[in-house]
PDB file of N, CA and C in Angstrom:
ATOM      1  N   UNK A   1      63.840 132.289 123.964  1.00  0.00           N
ATOM      2  CA  UNK A   1      64.857 131.892 123.135  1.00  0.00           C
ATOM      3  C   UNK A   1      64.367 130.979 122.091  1.00  0.00           C
ATOM      4  N   UNK A   2      64.998 130.943 120.927  1.00  0.00           N
ATOM      5  CA  UNK A   2      64.836 129.977 119.864  1.00  0.00           C
ATOM      6  C   UNK A   2      65.533 128.708 120.250  1.00  0.00           C
ATOM      7  N   UNK A   3      65.224 127.669 119.450  1.00  0.00           N
ATOM      8  CA  UNK A   3      65.921 126.406 119.744  1.00  0.00           C
ATOM      9  C   UNK A   3      67.439 126.513 119.594  1.00  0.00           C
ATOM     10  N   UNK A   4      67.859 127.252 118.588  1.00  0.00           N
ATOM     11  CA  UNK A   4      69.313 127.466 118.324  1.00  0.00           C
ATOM     12  C   UNK A   4      69.958 128.193 119.526  1.00  0.00           C
ATOM     13  N   UNK A   5      69.243 129.190 120.029  1.00  0.00           N
ATOM     14  CA  UNK A   5      69.776 130.011 121.148  1.00  0.00           C
ATOM     15  C   UNK A   5      69.869 129.146 122.427  1.00  0.00           C
ATOM     16  N   UNK A   6      68.832 128.357 122.590  1.00  0.00           N
ATOM     17  CA  UNK A   6      68.791 127.448 123.761  1.00  0.00           C
ATOM     18  C   UNK A   6      69.934 126.410 123.719  1.00  0.00           C
ATOM     19  N   UNK A   7      70.199 125.919 122.488  1.00  0.00           N
ATOM     20  CA  UNK A   7      71.252 124.905 122.297  1.00  0.00           C
ATOM     21  C   UNK A   7      72.654 125.572 122.618  1.00  0.00           C
ATOM     22  N   UNK A   8      72.821 126.900 122.187  1.00  0.00           N
ATOM     23  CA  UNK A   8      74.047 127.580 122.485  1.00  0.00           C
ATOM     24  C   UNK A   8      74.214 127.720 123.994  1.00  0.00           C
ATOM     25  N   UNK A   9      73.119 128.159 124.720  1.00  0.00           N
ATOM     26  CA  UNK A   9      73.184 128.294 126.150  1.00  0.00           C
ATOM     27  C   UNK A   9      73.530 126.984 126.802  1.00  0.00           C
ATOM     28  N   UNK A  10      73.051 125.900 126.294  1.00  0.00           N
ATOM     29  CA  UNK A  10      73.398 124.518 126.778  1.00  0.00           C
ATOM     30  C   UNK A  10      74.868 124.288 126.714  1.00  0.00           C
ATOM     31  N   UNK A  11      75.417 124.550 125.530  1.00  0.00           N
ATOM     32  CA  UNK A  11      76.788 124.220 125.254  1.00  0.00           C
ATOM     33  C   UNK A  11      77.762 125.221 126.030  1.00  0.00           C
ATOM     34  N   UNK A  12      77.408 126.389 126.212  1.00  0.00           N
ATOM     35  CA  UNK A  12      78.160 127.414 126.854  1.00  0.00           C
ATOM     36  C   UNK A  12      77.990 127.310 128.401  1.00  0.00           C
ATOM     37  N   UNK A  13      77.001 126.634 128.902  1.00  0.00           N
ATOM     38  CA  UNK A  13      76.594 126.459 130.358  1.00  0.00           C
ATOM     39  C   UNK A  13      76.600 127.844 131.005  1.00  0.00           C
ATOM     40  N   UNK A  14      75.849 128.724 130.327  1.00  0.00           N
ATOM     41  CA  UNK A  14      75.691 130.078 130.892  1.00  0.00           C
ATOM     42  C   UNK A  14      74.359 130.111 131.702  1.00  0.00           C
ATOM     43  N   UNK A  15      74.242 131.014 132.592  1.00  0.00           N
ATOM     44  CA  UNK A  15      73.027 131.169 133.425  1.00  0.00           C
ATOM     45  C   UNK A  15      71.918 131.662 132.487  1.00  0.00           C
ATOM     46  N   UNK A  16      70.688 131.280 132.880  1.00  0.00           N
ATOM     47  CA  UNK A  16      69.454 131.622 132.162  1.00  0.00           C
ATOM     48  C   UNK A  16      68.399 132.021 133.147  1.00  0.00           C
ATOM     49  N   UNK A  17      67.406 132.759 132.654  1.00  0.00           N
ATOM     50  CA  UNK A  17      66.282 133.299 133.547  1.00  0.00           C
ATOM     51  C   UNK A  17      65.034 132.754 133.035  1.00  0.00           C
ATOM     52  N   UNK A  18      64.140 132.384 133.941  1.00  0.00           N
ATOM     53  CA  UNK A  18      62.736 131.975 133.618  1.00  0.00           C
ATOM     54  C   UNK A  18      61.851 132.417 134.740  1.00  0.00           C
ATOM     55  N   UNK A  19      60.787 133.144 134.396  1.00  0.00           N
ATOM     56  CA  UNK A  19      59.802 133.592 135.373  1.00  0.00           C
ATOM     57  C   UNK A  19      60.368 134.415 136.518  1.00  0.00           C
ATOM     58  N   UNK A  20      61.322 135.157 136.156  1.00  0.00           N
ATOM     59  CA  UNK A  20      62.033 136.050 137.137  1.00  0.00           C
ATOM     60  C   UNK A  20      63.038 135.446 138.008  1.00  0.00           C
ATOM     61  N   UNK A  21      63.326 134.142 137.766  1.00  0.00           N
ATOM     62  CA  UNK A  21      64.353 133.434 138.570  1.00  0.00           C
ATOM     63  C   UNK A  21      65.599 133.043 137.661  1.00  0.00           C
ATOM     64  N   UNK A  22      66.724 133.218 138.272  1.00  0.00           N
ATOM     65  CA  UNK A  22      67.965 132.956 137.537  1.00  0.00           C
ATOM     66  C   UNK A  22      68.364 131.475 137.797  1.00  0.00           C
ATOM     67  N   UNK A  23      68.616 130.747 136.786  1.00  0.00           N
ATOM     68  CA  UNK A  23      69.023 129.345 136.943  1.00  0.00           C
ATOM     69  C   UNK A  23      70.562 129.159 136.565  1.00  0.00           C
ATOM     70  N   UNK A  24      71.269 128.229 137.095  1.00  0.00           N
ATOM     71  CA  UNK A  24      72.653 127.977 136.864  1.00  0.00           C
ATOM     72  C   UNK A  24      72.954 127.733 135.379  1.00  0.00           C
ATOM     73  N   UNK A  25      72.200 126.841 134.789  1.00  0.00           N
ATOM     74  CA  UNK A  25      72.481 126.537 133.368  1.00  0.00           C
ATOM     75  C   UNK A  25      71.376 125.669 132.862  1.00  0.00           C
ATOM     76  N   UNK A  26      71.417 125.485 131.518  1.00  0.00           N
ATOM     77  CA  UNK A  26      70.494 124.578 130.863  1.00  0.00           C
ATOM     78  C   UNK A  26      71.178 123.196 130.935  1.00  0.00           C
ATOM     79  N   UNK A  27      70.449 122.140 131.277  1.00  0.00           N
ATOM     80  CA  UNK A  27      71.042 120.880 131.422  1.00  0.00           C
ATOM     81  C   UNK A  27      70.544 119.907 130.276  1.00  0.00           C
ATOM     82  N   UNK A  28      69.439 120.238 129.646  1.00  0.00           N
ATOM     83  CA  UNK A  28      68.886 119.404 128.587  1.00  0.00           C
ATOM     84  C   UNK A  28      67.957 120.147 127.669  1.00  0.00           C
ATOM     85  N   UNK A  29      67.863 119.771 126.391  1.00  0.00           N
ATOM     86  CA  UNK A  29      66.869 120.241 125.477  1.00  0.00           C
ATOM     87  C   UNK A  29      65.852 119.153 125.335  1.00  0.00           C
ATOM     88  N   UNK A  30      64.587 119.529 125.304  1.00  0.00           N
ATOM     89  CA  UNK A  30      63.531 118.501 125.241  1.00  0.00           C
ATOM     90  C   UNK A  30      62.632 118.897 123.971  1.00  0.00           C
ATOM     91  N   UNK A  31      62.430 117.914 123.050  1.00  0.00           N
ATOM     92  CA  UNK A  31      61.691 118.126 121.892  1.00  0.00           C
ATOM     93  C   UNK A  31      60.424 117.250 121.981  1.00  0.00           C
ATOM     94  N   UNK A  32      59.290 117.847 121.984  1.00  0.00           N
ATOM     95  CA  UNK A  32      58.072 117.114 122.106  1.00  0.00           C
ATOM     96  C   UNK A  32      57.175 117.321 120.817  1.00  0.00           C
ATOM     97  N   UNK A  33      56.459 116.321 120.340  1.00  0.00           N
ATOM     98  CA  UNK A  33      55.525 116.511 119.302  1.00  0.00           C
ATOM     99  C   UNK A  33      54.270 117.127 119.895  1.00  0.00           C
ATOM    100  N   UNK A  34      53.899 118.202 119.340  1.00  0.00           N
ATOM    101  CA  UNK A  34      52.609 118.762 119.805  1.00  0.00           C
ATOM    102  C   UNK A  34      51.435 118.591 118.975  1.00  0.00           C
ATOM    103  N   UNK A  35      50.477 117.811 119.483  1.00  0.00           N
ATOM    104  CA  UNK A  35      49.225 117.558 118.675  1.00  0.00           C
ATOM    105  C   UNK A  35      49.348 116.551 117.686  1.00  0.00           C
ATOM    106  N   UNK A  36      48.429 116.546 116.740  1.00  0.00           N
ATOM    107  CA  UNK A  36      48.462 115.641 115.657  1.00  0.00           C
ATOM    108  C   UNK A  36      49.252 116.016 114.383  1.00  0.00           C
ATOM    109  N   UNK A  37      49.657 117.232 114.368  1.00  0.00           N
ATOM    110  CA  UNK A  37      50.439 117.744 113.162  1.00  0.00           C
ATOM    111  C   UNK A  37      51.901 117.419 113.351  1.00  0.00           C
ATOM    112  N   UNK A  38      52.719 118.290 112.717  1.00  0.00           N
ATOM    113  CA  UNK A  38      54.204 118.016 112.721  1.00  0.00           C
ATOM    114  C   UNK A  38      54.839 119.089 113.504  1.00  0.00           C
ATOM    115  N   UNK A  39      54.055 119.810 114.340  1.00  0.00           N
ATOM    116  CA  UNK A  39      54.606 120.882 115.231  1.00  0.00           C
ATOM    117  C   UNK A  39      55.457 120.308 116.360  1.00  0.00           C
ATOM    118  N   UNK A  40      56.647 120.900 116.534  1.00  0.00           N
ATOM    119  CA  UNK A  40      57.549 120.411 117.638  1.00  0.00           C
ATOM    120  C   UNK A  40      57.665 121.565 118.691  1.00  0.00           C
ATOM    121  N   UNK A  41      57.376 121.133 119.929  1.00  0.00           N
ATOM    122  CA  UNK A  41      57.586 122.091 121.039  1.00  0.00           C
ATOM    123  C   UNK A  41      58.924 121.887 121.734  1.00  0.00           C
ATOM    124  N   UNK A  42      59.705 122.943 121.847  1.00  0.00           N
ATOM    125  CA  UNK A  42      61.024 122.788 122.482  1.00  0.00           C
ATOM    126  C   UNK A  42      61.014 123.329 123.851  1.00  0.00           C
ATOM    127  N   UNK A  43      61.567 122.633 124.805  1.00  0.00           N
ATOM    128  CA  UNK A  43      61.612 123.054 126.149  1.00  0.00           C
ATOM    129  C   UNK A  43      63.039 122.863 126.629  1.00  0.00           C
ATOM    130  N   UNK A  44      63.438 123.550 127.668  1.00  0.00           N
ATOM    131  CA  UNK A  44      64.687 123.457 128.381  1.00  0.00           C
ATOM    132  C   UNK A  44      64.536 122.894 129.752  1.00  0.00           C
ATOM    133  N   UNK A  45      65.507 122.053 130.152  1.00  0.00           N
ATOM    134  CA  UNK A  45      65.634 121.635 131.570  1.00  0.00           C
ATOM    135  C   UNK A  45      66.662 122.589 132.145  1.00  0.00           C
ATOM    136  N   UNK A  46      66.216 123.315 133.291  1.00  0.00           N
ATOM    137  CA  UNK A  46      67.033 124.285 133.874  1.00  0.00           C
ATOM    138  C   UNK A  46      67.488 123.841 135.242  1.00  0.00           C
ATOM    139  N   UNK A  47      68.715 123.895 135.527  1.00  0.00           N
ATOM    140  CA  UNK A  47      69.261 123.535 136.868  1.00  0.00           C
ATOM    141  C   UNK A  47      69.313 124.798 137.826  1.00  0.00           C
ATOM    142  N   UNK A  48      68.701 124.577 139.034  1.00  0.00           N
ATOM    143  CA  UNK A  48      68.604 125.665 139.998  1.00  0.00           C
ATOM    144  C   UNK A  48      69.990 126.049 140.490  1.00  0.00           C
ATOM    145  N   UNK A  49      70.160 127.120 141.206  1.00  0.00           N
ATOM    146  CA  UNK A  49      71.444 127.672 141.653  1.00  0.00           C
ATOM    147  C   UNK A  49      72.113 126.742 142.715  1.00  0.00           C
ATOM    148  N   UNK A  50      71.173 125.954 143.448  1.00  0.00           N
ATOM    149  CA  UNK A  50      71.778 125.069 144.391  1.00  0.00           C
ATOM    150  C   UNK A  50      72.217 123.720 143.767  1.00  0.00           C
ATOM    151  N   UNK A  51      71.877 123.495 142.520  1.00  0.00           N
ATOM    152  CA  UNK A  51      72.296 122.295 141.824  1.00  0.00           C
ATOM    153  C   UNK A  51      71.520 121.048 142.241  1.00  0.00           C
ATOM    154  N   UNK A  52      70.370 121.191 142.825  1.00  0.00           N
ATOM    155  CA  UNK A  52      69.577 120.100 143.434  1.00  0.00           C
ATOM    156  C   UNK A  52      68.267 119.910 142.697  1.00  0.00           C
ATOM    157  N   UNK A  53      67.752 120.782 141.981  1.00  0.00           N
ATOM    158  CA  UNK A  53      66.461 120.661 141.321  1.00  0.00           C
ATOM    159  C   UNK A  53      66.553 121.179 139.883  1.00  0.00           C
ATOM    160  N   UNK A  54      65.565 120.682 139.063  1.00  0.00           N
ATOM    161  CA  UNK A  54      65.479 121.249 137.731  1.00  0.00           C
ATOM    162  C   UNK A  54      63.991 121.656 137.500  1.00  0.00           C
ATOM    163  N   UNK A  55      63.878 122.536 136.515  1.00  0.00           N
ATOM    164  CA  UNK A  55      62.601 123.057 136.023  1.00  0.00           C
ATOM    165  C   UNK A  55      62.544 122.869 134.580  1.00  0.00           C
ATOM    166  N   UNK A  56      61.434 122.383 134.111  1.00  0.00           N
ATOM    167  CA  UNK A  56      61.261 122.260 132.593  1.00  0.00           C
ATOM    168  C   UNK A  56      60.399 123.546 132.208  1.00  0.00           C
ATOM    169  N   UNK A  57      60.963 124.263 131.192  1.00  0.00           N
ATOM    170  CA  UNK A  57      60.362 125.546 130.814  1.00  0.00           C
ATOM    171  C   UNK A  57      60.283 125.611 129.234  1.00  0.00           C
ATOM    172  N   UNK A  58      59.215 126.236 128.734  1.00  0.00           N
ATOM    173  CA  UNK A  58      59.198 126.382 127.290  1.00  0.00           C
ATOM    174  C   UNK A  58      60.282 127.311 126.796  1.00  0.00           C
ATOM    175  N   UNK A  59      60.956 126.968 125.655  1.00  0.00           N
ATOM    176  CA  UNK A  59      62.094 127.753 125.157  1.00  0.00           C
ATOM    177  C   UNK A  59      61.762 129.204 124.900  1.00  0.00           C
ATOM    178  N   UNK A  60      60.563 129.523 124.487  1.00  0.00           N
ATOM    179  CA  UNK A  60      60.272 130.960 124.138  1.00  0.00           C
ATOM    180  C   UNK A  60      60.094 131.753 125.483  1.00  0.00           C
ATOM    181  N   UNK A  61      60.075 131.215 126.589  1.00  0.00           N
ATOM    182  CA  UNK A  61      59.964 132.010 127.816  1.00  0.00           C
ATOM    183  C   UNK A  61      61.230 132.013 128.675  1.00  0.00           C
ATOM    184  N   UNK A  62      62.331 131.353 128.118  1.00  0.00           N
ATOM    185  CA  UNK A  62      63.732 131.356 128.740  1.00  0.00           C
ATOM    186  C   UNK A  62      64.510 132.548 128.197  1.00  0.00           C
ATOM    187  N   UNK A  63      65.234 133.240 129.077  1.00  0.00           N
ATOM    188  CA  UNK A  63      66.059 134.242 128.594  1.00  0.00           C
ATOM    189  C   UNK A  63      67.512 134.021 129.127  1.00  0.00           C
ATOM    190  N   UNK A  64      68.491 134.546 128.293  1.00  0.00           N
ATOM    191  CA  UNK A  64      69.813 134.410 128.770  1.00  0.00           C
ATOM    192  C   UNK A  64      70.045 135.172 129.960  1.00  0.00           C
ATOM    193  N   UNK A  65      70.775 134.677 130.972  1.00  0.00           N
ATOM    194  CA  UNK A  65      71.135 135.404 132.159  1.00  0.00           C
ATOM    195  C   UNK A  65      72.218 136.443 131.893  1.00  0.00           C
ATOM    196  N   UNK A  66      72.439 137.261 132.887  1.00  0.00           N
ATOM    197  CA  UNK A  66      73.424 138.298 132.771  1.00  0.00           C
ATOM    198  C   UNK A  66      74.771 138.045 133.666  1.00  0.00           C
ATOM    199  N   UNK A  67      74.614 137.120 134.583  1.00  0.00           N
ATOM    200  CA  UNK A  67      75.863 136.868 135.393  1.00  0.00           C
ATOM    201  C   UNK A  67      75.843 135.369 135.821  1.00  0.00           C
ATOM    202  N   UNK A  68      76.952 134.915 136.254  1.00  0.00           N
ATOM    203  CA  UNK A  68      77.072 133.499 136.709  1.00  0.00           C
ATOM    204  C   UNK A  68      76.286 133.338 138.000  1.00  0.00           C
ATOM    205  N   UNK A  69      75.538 132.238 138.024  1.00  0.00           N
ATOM    206  CA  UNK A  69      74.686 131.896 139.196  1.00  0.00           C
ATOM    207  C   UNK A  69      75.446 131.153 140.191  1.00  0.00           C
TER     208      UNK A  69
END
Protein backbone atom coordinates (compact mmCIF):
# COMPACT_ATOMS: atom_id res chain seq x y z
CA UNK A 1 0.00 0.00 0.00
CA UNK A 2 1.00 3.58 -0.46
CA UNK A 3 0.87 5.99 2.46
CA UNK A 4 -2.45 7.37 1.20
CA UNK A 5 -3.95 3.87 0.85
CA UNK A 6 -2.78 2.95 4.35
CA UNK A 7 -4.34 6.14 5.76
CA UNK A 8 -7.63 5.29 4.03
CA UNK A 9 -7.53 1.76 5.52
CA UNK A 10 -6.91 3.29 8.95
CA UNK A 11 -9.91 5.62 8.67
CA UNK A 12 -12.18 2.91 7.21
CA UNK A 13 -11.07 0.35 9.84
CA UNK A 14 -11.03 -2.34 7.17
CA UNK A 15 -9.13 -5.64 7.49
CA UNK A 16 -5.65 -5.84 5.99
CA UNK A 17 -3.20 -8.64 5.18
CA UNK A 18 0.52 -8.93 5.80
CA UNK A 19 2.73 -11.99 5.26
CA UNK A 20 -0.30 -14.17 4.55
CA UNK A 21 -2.10 -13.25 7.78
CA UNK A 22 -5.29 -11.17 7.95
CA UNK A 23 -5.39 -8.46 10.60
CA UNK A 24 -8.49 -6.81 12.05
CA UNK A 25 -7.50 -3.23 11.14
CA UNK A 26 -4.73 -0.64 11.00
CA UNK A 27 -4.46 1.12 14.37
CA UNK A 28 -1.65 3.59 13.60
CA UNK A 29 0.60 5.01 10.91
CA UNK A 30 4.28 5.34 11.73
CA UNK A 31 6.60 7.73 9.90
CA UNK A 32 10.33 7.19 10.43
CA UNK A 33 13.27 9.07 8.99
CA UNK A 34 15.40 6.58 7.08
CA UNK A 35 19.13 7.28 7.10
CA UNK A 36 20.83 10.64 6.75
CA UNK A 37 18.74 11.91 3.84
CA UNK A 38 15.17 13.10 3.69
CA UNK A 39 13.65 9.68 2.94
CA UNK A 40 10.64 8.74 5.09
CA UNK A 41 9.72 5.10 5.78
CA UNK A 42 5.99 4.53 6.39
CA UNK A 43 4.82 1.59 8.49
CA UNK A 44 1.46 0.47 9.78
CA UNK A 45 0.53 -0.87 13.19
CA UNK A 46 -1.81 -3.82 12.60
CA UNK A 47 -4.20 -5.23 15.22
CA UNK A 48 -4.54 -9.01 15.27
CA UNK A 49 -7.93 -10.71 15.01
CA UNK A 50 -8.09 -11.35 18.77
CA UNK A 51 -7.52 -7.67 19.48
CA UNK A 52 -4.65 -8.43 21.85
CA UNK A 53 -1.47 -7.88 19.86
CA UNK A 54 -0.10 -5.56 17.20
CA UNK A 55 2.45 -6.02 14.42
CA UNK A 56 4.47 -3.24 12.83
CA UNK A 57 4.79 -3.77 9.06
CA UNK A 58 6.20 -1.74 6.17
CA UNK A 59 3.41 -0.05 4.18
CA UNK A 60 4.56 -1.50 0.85
CA UNK A 61 4.01 -5.06 2.15
CA UNK A 62 0.50 -4.52 3.55
CA UNK A 63 -2.51 -5.36 1.38
CA UNK A 64 -6.19 -4.52 1.81
CA UNK A 65 -8.14 -7.50 3.16
CA UNK A 66 -11.20 -8.95 1.48
CA UNK A 67 -13.48 -9.65 4.45
CA UNK A 68 -14.06 -8.53 8.02
CA UNK A 69 -11.76 -10.25 10.49
